[in-house]
């Protein structure tokens, strides 16, 4: 019985501590990620190879990436 109570107490303490993450009054901003041209081309080729896009879509998107 004591083990169940201690386990429940530990779980609830952990749950409450996780909900407090972020600090008081802190605002969250949208993260800006930068993807290199090479990574964009690799991702695009993977999409083509996996059948997610057509050859025509691949060519159009590749031209856009290279012309940036």
PDB file of N, CA and C in Angstrom:
ATOM      1  N   UNK A   1       0.828  -1.195   0.000  1.00  0.00           N
ATOM      2  CA  UNK A   1       0.000   0.000   0.000  1.00  0.00           C
ATOM      3  C   UNK A   1       0.865   1.249   0.000  1.00  0.00           C
ATOM      4  N   UNK A   2       1.894   1.256   0.839  1.00  0.00           N
ATOM      5  CA  UNK A   2       2.786   2.406   0.914  1.00  0.00           C
ATOM      6  C   UNK A   2       3.509   2.613  -0.411  1.00  0.00           C
ATOM      7  N   UNK A   3       3.887   1.515  -1.064  1.00  0.00           N
ATOM      8  CA  UNK A   3       4.568   1.610  -2.354  1.00  0.00           C
ATOM      9  C   UNK A   3       3.669   2.277  -3.389  1.00  0.00           C
ATOM     10  N   UNK A   4       2.367   1.942  -3.396  1.00  0.00           N
ATOM     11  CA  UNK A   4       1.427   2.542  -4.339  1.00  0.00           C
ATOM     12  C   UNK A   4       1.284   4.036  -4.083  1.00  0.00           C
ATOM     13  N   UNK A   5       1.226   4.416  -2.838  1.00  0.00           N
ATOM     14  CA  UNK A   5       1.102   5.833  -2.486  1.00  0.00           C
ATOM     15  C   UNK A   5       2.357   6.591  -2.908  1.00  0.00           C
ATOM     16  N   UNK A   6       3.523   6.033  -2.638  1.00  0.00           N
ATOM     17  CA  UNK A   6       4.770   6.686  -3.028  1.00  0.00           C
ATOM     18  C   UNK A   6       4.901   6.790  -4.540  1.00  0.00           C
ATOM     19  N   UNK A   7       4.490   5.756  -5.234  1.00  0.00           N
ATOM     20  CA  UNK A   7       4.530   5.791  -6.694  1.00  0.00           C
ATOM     21  C   UNK A   7       3.592   6.869  -7.231  1.00  0.00           C
ATOM     22  N   UNK A   8       2.383   6.927  -6.699  1.00  0.00           N
ATOM     23  CA  UNK A   8       1.423   7.936  -7.124  1.00  0.00           C
ATOM     24  C   UNK A   8       1.936   9.339  -6.826  1.00  0.00           C
ATOM     25  N   UNK A   9       2.553   9.514  -5.684  1.00  0.00           N
ATOM     26  CA  UNK A   9       3.106  10.808  -5.311  1.00  0.00           C
ATOM     27  C   UNK A   9       4.242  11.207  -6.255  1.00  0.00           C
ATOM     28  N   UNK A  10       5.096  10.259  -6.586  1.00  0.00           N
ATOM     29  CA  UNK A  10       6.213  10.539  -7.492  1.00  0.00           C
ATOM     30  C   UNK A  10       5.704  10.904  -8.882  1.00  0.00           C
ATOM     31  N   UNK A  11       4.722  10.182  -9.372  1.00  0.00           N
ATOM     32  CA  UNK A  11       4.161  10.453 -10.697  1.00  0.00           C
ATOM     33  C   UNK A  11       3.484  11.819 -10.732  1.00  0.00           C
ATOM     34  N   UNK A  12       2.715  12.141  -9.720  1.00  0.00           N
ATOM     35  CA  UNK A  12       2.030  13.435  -9.703  1.00  0.00           C
ATOM     36  C   UNK A  12       3.021  14.583  -9.565  1.00  0.00           C
ATOM     37  N   UNK A  13       4.086  14.389  -8.779  1.00  0.00           N
ATOM     38  CA  UNK A  13       5.105  15.426  -8.648  1.00  0.00           C
ATOM     39  C   UNK A  13       5.792  15.663  -9.985  1.00  0.00           C
ATOM     40  N   UNK A  14       6.108  14.601 -10.687  1.00  0.00           N
ATOM     41  CA  UNK A  14       6.731  14.723 -11.992  1.00  0.00           C
ATOM     42  C   UNK A  14       5.792  15.425 -12.971  1.00  0.00           C
ATOM     43  N   UNK A  15       4.528  15.055 -12.962  1.00  0.00           N
ATOM     44  CA  UNK A  15       3.562  15.670 -13.864  1.00  0.00           C
ATOM     45  C   UNK A  15       3.428  17.163 -13.596  1.00  0.00           C
ATOM     46  N   UNK A  16       3.376  17.560 -12.350  1.00  0.00           N
ATOM     47  CA  UNK A  16       3.255  18.978 -12.026  1.00  0.00           C
ATOM     48  C   UNK A  16       4.515  19.742 -12.388  1.00  0.00           C
ATOM     49  N   UNK A  17       5.663  19.122 -12.240  1.00  0.00           N
ATOM     50  CA  UNK A  17       6.902  19.823 -12.574  1.00  0.00           C
ATOM     51  C   UNK A  17       7.034  20.020 -14.072  1.00  0.00           C
ATOM     52  N   UNK A  18       6.512  19.100 -14.863  1.00  0.00           N
ATOM     53  CA  UNK A  18       6.584  19.247 -16.309  1.00  0.00           C
ATOM     54  C   UNK A  18       5.655  20.327 -16.823  1.00  0.00           C
ATOM     55  N   UNK A  19       4.527  20.527 -16.171  1.00  0.00           N
ATOM     56  CA  UNK A  19       3.599  21.553 -16.629  1.00  0.00           C
ATOM     57  C   UNK A  19       4.120  22.938 -16.345  1.00  0.00           C
ATOM     58  N   UNK A  20       5.091  23.072 -15.465  1.00  0.00           N
ATOM     59  CA  UNK A  20       5.630  24.380 -15.120  1.00  0.00           C
ATOM     60  C   UNK A  20       6.793  24.780 -16.020  1.00  0.00           C
ATOM     61  N   UNK A  21       7.183  23.943 -16.946  1.00  0.00           N
ATOM     62  CA  UNK A  21       8.300  24.277 -17.827  1.00  0.00           C
ATOM     63  C   UNK A  21       7.965  25.516 -18.641  1.00  0.00           C
ATOM     64  N   UNK A  22       8.916  26.365 -18.856  1.00  0.00           N
ATOM     65  CA  UNK A  22       8.700  27.551 -19.665  1.00  0.00           C
ATOM     66  C   UNK A  22       8.889  28.823 -18.883  1.00  0.00           C
ATOM     67  N   UNK A  23       8.899  28.735 -17.591  1.00  0.00           N
ATOM     68  CA  UNK A  23       9.175  29.921 -16.783  1.00  0.00           C
ATOM     69  C   UNK A  23       7.962  30.816 -16.632  1.00  0.00           C
ATOM     70  N   UNK A  24       8.051  31.690 -15.674  1.00  0.00           N
ATOM     71  CA  UNK A  24       6.952  32.602 -15.417  1.00  0.00           C
ATOM     72  C   UNK A  24       6.917  33.746 -16.404  1.00  0.00           C
ATOM     73  N   UNK A  25       5.813  33.915 -17.051  1.00  0.00           N
ATOM     74  CA  UNK A  25       5.622  35.036 -17.962  1.00  0.00           C
ATOM     75  C   UNK A  25       6.384  34.936 -19.267  1.00  0.00           C
ATOM     76  N   UNK A  26       7.033  33.848 -19.502  1.00  0.00           N
ATOM     77  CA  UNK A  26       7.788  33.709 -20.743  1.00  0.00           C
ATOM     78  C   UNK A  26       6.829  33.518 -21.904  1.00  0.00           C
ATOM     79  N   UNK A  27       7.152  34.130 -23.007  1.00  0.00           N
ATOM     80  CA  UNK A  27       6.342  33.947 -24.202  1.00  0.00           C
ATOM     81  C   UNK A  27       7.105  33.053 -25.158  1.00  0.00           C
ATOM     82  N   UNK A  28       6.385  32.252 -25.882  1.00  0.00           N
ATOM     83  CA  UNK A  28       7.053  31.374 -26.835  1.00  0.00           C
ATOM     84  C   UNK A  28       7.024  32.028 -28.206  1.00  0.00           C
ATOM     85  N   UNK A  29       8.110  31.899 -28.904  1.00  0.00           N
ATOM     86  CA  UNK A  29       8.214  32.444 -30.252  1.00  0.00           C
ATOM     87  C   UNK A  29       8.332  31.281 -31.224  1.00  0.00           C
ATOM     88  N   UNK A  30       7.885  31.506 -32.427  1.00  0.00           N
ATOM     89  CA  UNK A  30       8.001  30.481 -33.447  1.00  0.00           C
ATOM     90  C   UNK A  30       9.467  30.331 -33.816  1.00  0.00           C
ATOM     91  N   UNK A  31       9.928  29.106 -33.799  1.00  0.00           N
ATOM     92  CA  UNK A  31      11.321  28.847 -34.132  1.00  0.00           C
ATOM     93  C   UNK A  31      11.528  29.018 -35.628  1.00  0.00           C
ATOM     94  N   UNK A  32      12.624  29.640 -35.974  1.00  0.00           N
ATOM     95  CA  UNK A  32      12.973  29.817 -37.373  1.00  0.00           C
ATOM     96  C   UNK A  32      14.068  28.809 -37.688  1.00  0.00           C
ATOM     97  N   UNK A  33      13.775  27.972 -38.640  1.00  0.00           N
ATOM     98  CA  UNK A  33      14.774  26.991 -39.029  1.00  0.00           C
ATOM     99  C   UNK A  33      15.295  27.341 -40.414  1.00  0.00           C
ATOM    100  N   UNK A  34      16.559  27.135 -40.611  1.00  0.00           N
ATOM    101  CA  UNK A  34      17.172  27.405 -41.893  1.00  0.00           C
ATOM    102  C   UNK A  34      17.619  26.080 -42.484  1.00  0.00           C
ATOM    103  N   UNK A  35      17.154  25.814 -43.679  1.00  0.00           N
ATOM    104  CA  UNK A  35      17.530  24.593 -44.371  1.00  0.00           C
ATOM    105  C   UNK A  35      18.429  24.980 -45.533  1.00  0.00           C
ATOM    106  N   UNK A  36      19.534  24.296 -45.664  1.00  0.00           N
ATOM    107  CA  UNK A  36      20.451  24.602 -46.753  1.00  0.00           C
ATOM    108  C   UNK A  36      19.866  24.162 -48.085  1.00  0.00           C
ATOM    109  N   UNK A  37      20.385  24.745 -49.143  1.00  0.00           N
ATOM    110  CA  UNK A  37      19.942  24.369 -50.484  1.00  0.00           C
ATOM    111  C   UNK A  37      20.185  22.891 -50.728  1.00  0.00           C
ATOM    112  N   UNK A  38      21.337  22.418 -50.294  1.00  0.00           N
ATOM    113  CA  UNK A  38      21.646  21.002 -50.473  1.00  0.00           C
ATOM    114  C   UNK A  38      20.650  20.104 -49.776  1.00  0.00           C
ATOM    115  N   UNK A  39      20.264  20.463 -48.538  1.00  0.00           N
ATOM    116  CA  UNK A  39      19.296  19.655 -47.796  1.00  0.00           C
ATOM    117  C   UNK A  39      17.931  19.699 -48.468  1.00  0.00           C
ATOM    118  N   UNK A  40      17.549  20.856 -48.997  1.00  0.00           N
ATOM    119  CA  UNK A  40      16.271  20.959 -49.702  1.00  0.00           C
ATOM    120  C   UNK A  40      16.264  20.041 -50.923  1.00  0.00           C
ATOM    121  N   UNK A  41      17.375  20.011 -51.655  1.00  0.00           N
ATOM    122  CA  UNK A  41      17.459  19.153 -52.838  1.00  0.00           C
ATOM    123  C   UNK A  41      17.433  17.674 -52.459  1.00  0.00           C
ATOM    124  N   UNK A  42      18.107  17.318 -51.364  1.00  0.00           N
ATOM    125  CA  UNK A  42      18.083  15.930 -50.892  1.00  0.00           C
ATOM    126  C   UNK A  42      16.665  15.527 -50.501  1.00  0.00           C
ATOM    127  N   UNK A  43      15.984  16.388 -49.748  1.00  0.00           N
ATOM    128  CA  UNK A  43      14.609  16.096 -49.333  1.00  0.00           C
ATOM    129  C   UNK A  43      13.687  15.962 -50.539  1.00  0.00           C
ATOM    130  N   UNK A  44      13.884  16.834 -51.516  1.00  0.00           N
ATOM    131  CA  UNK A  44      13.065  16.794 -52.723  1.00  0.00           C
ATOM    132  C   UNK A  44      13.295  15.492 -53.492  1.00  0.00           C
ATOM    133  N   UNK A  45      14.545  15.088 -53.611  1.00  0.00           N
ATOM    134  CA  UNK A  45      14.868  13.834 -54.316  1.00  0.00           C
ATOM    135  C   UNK A  45      14.288  12.637 -53.581  1.00  0.00           C
ATOM    136  N   UNK A  46      14.343  12.666 -52.255  1.00  0.00           N
ATOM    137  CA  UNK A  46      13.738  11.584 -51.471  1.00  0.00           C
ATOM    138  C   UNK A  46      12.236  11.506 -51.709  1.00  0.00           C
ATOM    139  N   UNK A  47      11.591  12.666 -51.805  1.00  0.00           N
ATOM    140  CA  UNK A  47      10.150  12.692 -52.073  1.00  0.00           C
ATOM    141  C   UNK A  47       9.853  12.075 -53.437  1.00  0.00           C
ATOM    142  N   UNK A  48      10.679  12.380 -54.422  1.00  0.00           N
ATOM    143  CA  UNK A  48      10.510  11.796 -55.756  1.00  0.00           C
ATOM    144  C   UNK A  48      10.724  10.281 -55.705  1.00  0.00           C
ATOM    145  N   UNK A  49      11.812   9.869 -55.081  1.00  0.00           N
ATOM    146  CA  UNK A  49      12.138   8.437 -55.013  1.00  0.00           C
ATOM    147  C   UNK A  49      11.089   7.633 -54.260  1.00  0.00           C
ATOM    148  N   UNK A  50      10.429   8.256 -53.290  1.00  0.00           N
ATOM    149  CA  UNK A  50       9.399   7.567 -52.507  1.00  0.00           C
ATOM    150  C   UNK A  50       8.013   7.682 -53.118  1.00  0.00           C
ATOM    151  N   UNK A  51       7.906   8.341 -54.262  1.00  0.00           N
ATOM    152  CA  UNK A  51       6.627   8.446 -54.949  1.00  0.00           C
ATOM    153  C   UNK A  51       5.698   9.502 -54.394  1.00  0.00           C
ATOM    154  N   UNK A  52       6.201  10.382 -53.551  1.00  0.00           N
ATOM    155  CA  UNK A  52       5.356  11.417 -52.962  1.00  0.00           C
ATOM    156  C   UNK A  52       5.065  12.542 -53.951  1.00  0.00           C
ATOM    157  N   UNK A  53       5.954  12.726 -54.929  1.00  0.00           N
ATOM    158  CA  UNK A  53       5.757  13.743 -55.962  1.00  0.00           C
ATOM    159  C   UNK A  53       6.099  13.135 -57.321  1.00  0.00           C
ATOM    160  N   UNK A  54       5.604  13.780 -58.371  1.00  0.00           N
ATOM    161  CA  UNK A  54       5.876  13.314 -59.730  1.00  0.00           C
ATOM    162  C   UNK A  54       7.185  13.914 -60.236  1.00  0.00           C
ATOM    163  N   UNK A  55       7.646  13.406 -61.368  1.00  0.00           N
ATOM    164  CA  UNK A  55       8.864  13.935 -61.989  1.00  0.00           C
ATOM    165  C   UNK A  55       8.687  15.409 -62.349  1.00  0.00           C
ATOM    166  N   UNK A  56       7.513  15.765 -62.837  1.00  0.00           N
ATOM    167  CA  UNK A  56       7.242  17.166 -63.183  1.00  0.00           C
ATOM    168  C   UNK A  56       7.285  18.077 -61.966  1.00  0.00           C
ATOM    169  N   UNK A  57       6.681  17.613 -60.871  1.00  0.00           N
ATOM    170  CA  UNK A  57       6.716  18.399 -59.627  1.00  0.00           C
ATOM    171  C   UNK A  57       8.153  18.537 -59.132  1.00  0.00           C
ATOM    172  N   UNK A  58       8.898  17.458 -59.261  1.00  0.00           N
ATOM    173  CA  UNK A  58      10.301  17.480 -58.845  1.00  0.00           C
ATOM    174  C   UNK A  58      11.075  18.548 -59.626  1.00  0.00           C
ATOM    175  N   UNK A  59      10.901  18.558 -60.934  1.00  0.00           N
ATOM    176  CA  UNK A  59      11.627  19.504 -61.780  1.00  0.00           C
ATOM    177  C   UNK A  59      11.249  20.953 -61.447  1.00  0.00           C
ATOM    178  N   UNK A  60       9.956  21.206 -61.224  1.00  0.00           N
ATOM    179  CA  UNK A  60       9.506  22.575 -60.892  1.00  0.00           C
ATOM    180  C   UNK A  60      10.071  23.027 -59.555  1.00  0.00           C
ATOM    181  N   UNK A  61       9.974  22.168 -58.560  1.00  0.00           N
ATOM    182  CA  UNK A  61      10.460  22.536 -57.220  1.00  0.00           C
ATOM    183  C   UNK A  61      11.982  22.671 -57.205  1.00  0.00           C
ATOM    184  N   UNK A  62      12.663  21.818 -57.958  1.00  0.00           N
ATOM    185  CA  UNK A  62      14.127  21.893 -58.042  1.00  0.00           C
ATOM    186  C   UNK A  62      14.550  23.230 -58.649  1.00  0.00           C
ATOM    187  N   UNK A  63      13.862  23.646 -59.707  1.00  0.00           N
ATOM    188  CA  UNK A  63      14.175  24.937 -60.339  1.00  0.00           C
ATOM    189  C   UNK A  63      13.946  26.082 -59.362  1.00  0.00           C
ATOM    190  N   UNK A  64      12.868  26.012 -58.580  1.00  0.00           N
ATOM    191  CA  UNK A  64      12.602  27.060 -57.570  1.00  0.00           C
ATOM    192  C   UNK A  64      13.718  27.139 -56.541  1.00  0.00           C
ATOM    193  N   UNK A  65      14.145  25.981 -56.074  1.00  0.00           N
ATOM    194  CA  UNK A  65      15.198  25.935 -55.057  1.00  0.00           C
ATOM    195  C   UNK A  65      16.498  26.512 -55.607  1.00  0.00           C
ATOM    196  N   UNK A  66      16.837  26.130 -56.825  1.00  0.00           N
ATOM    197  CA  UNK A  66      18.105  26.580 -57.421  1.00  0.00           C
ATOM    198  C   UNK A  66      18.082  28.051 -57.810  1.00  0.00           C
ATOM    199  N   UNK A  67      16.903  28.609 -58.017  1.00  0.00           N
ATOM    200  CA  UNK A  67      16.787  30.022 -58.409  1.00  0.00           C
ATOM    201  C   UNK A  67      16.601  30.962 -57.238  1.00  0.00           C
ATOM    202  N   UNK A  68      16.668  30.450 -56.019  1.00  0.00           N
ATOM    203  CA  UNK A  68      16.461  31.307 -54.847  1.00  0.00           C
ATOM    204  C   UNK A  68      17.630  32.231 -54.657  1.00  0.00           C
TER     205      UNK A  68
END
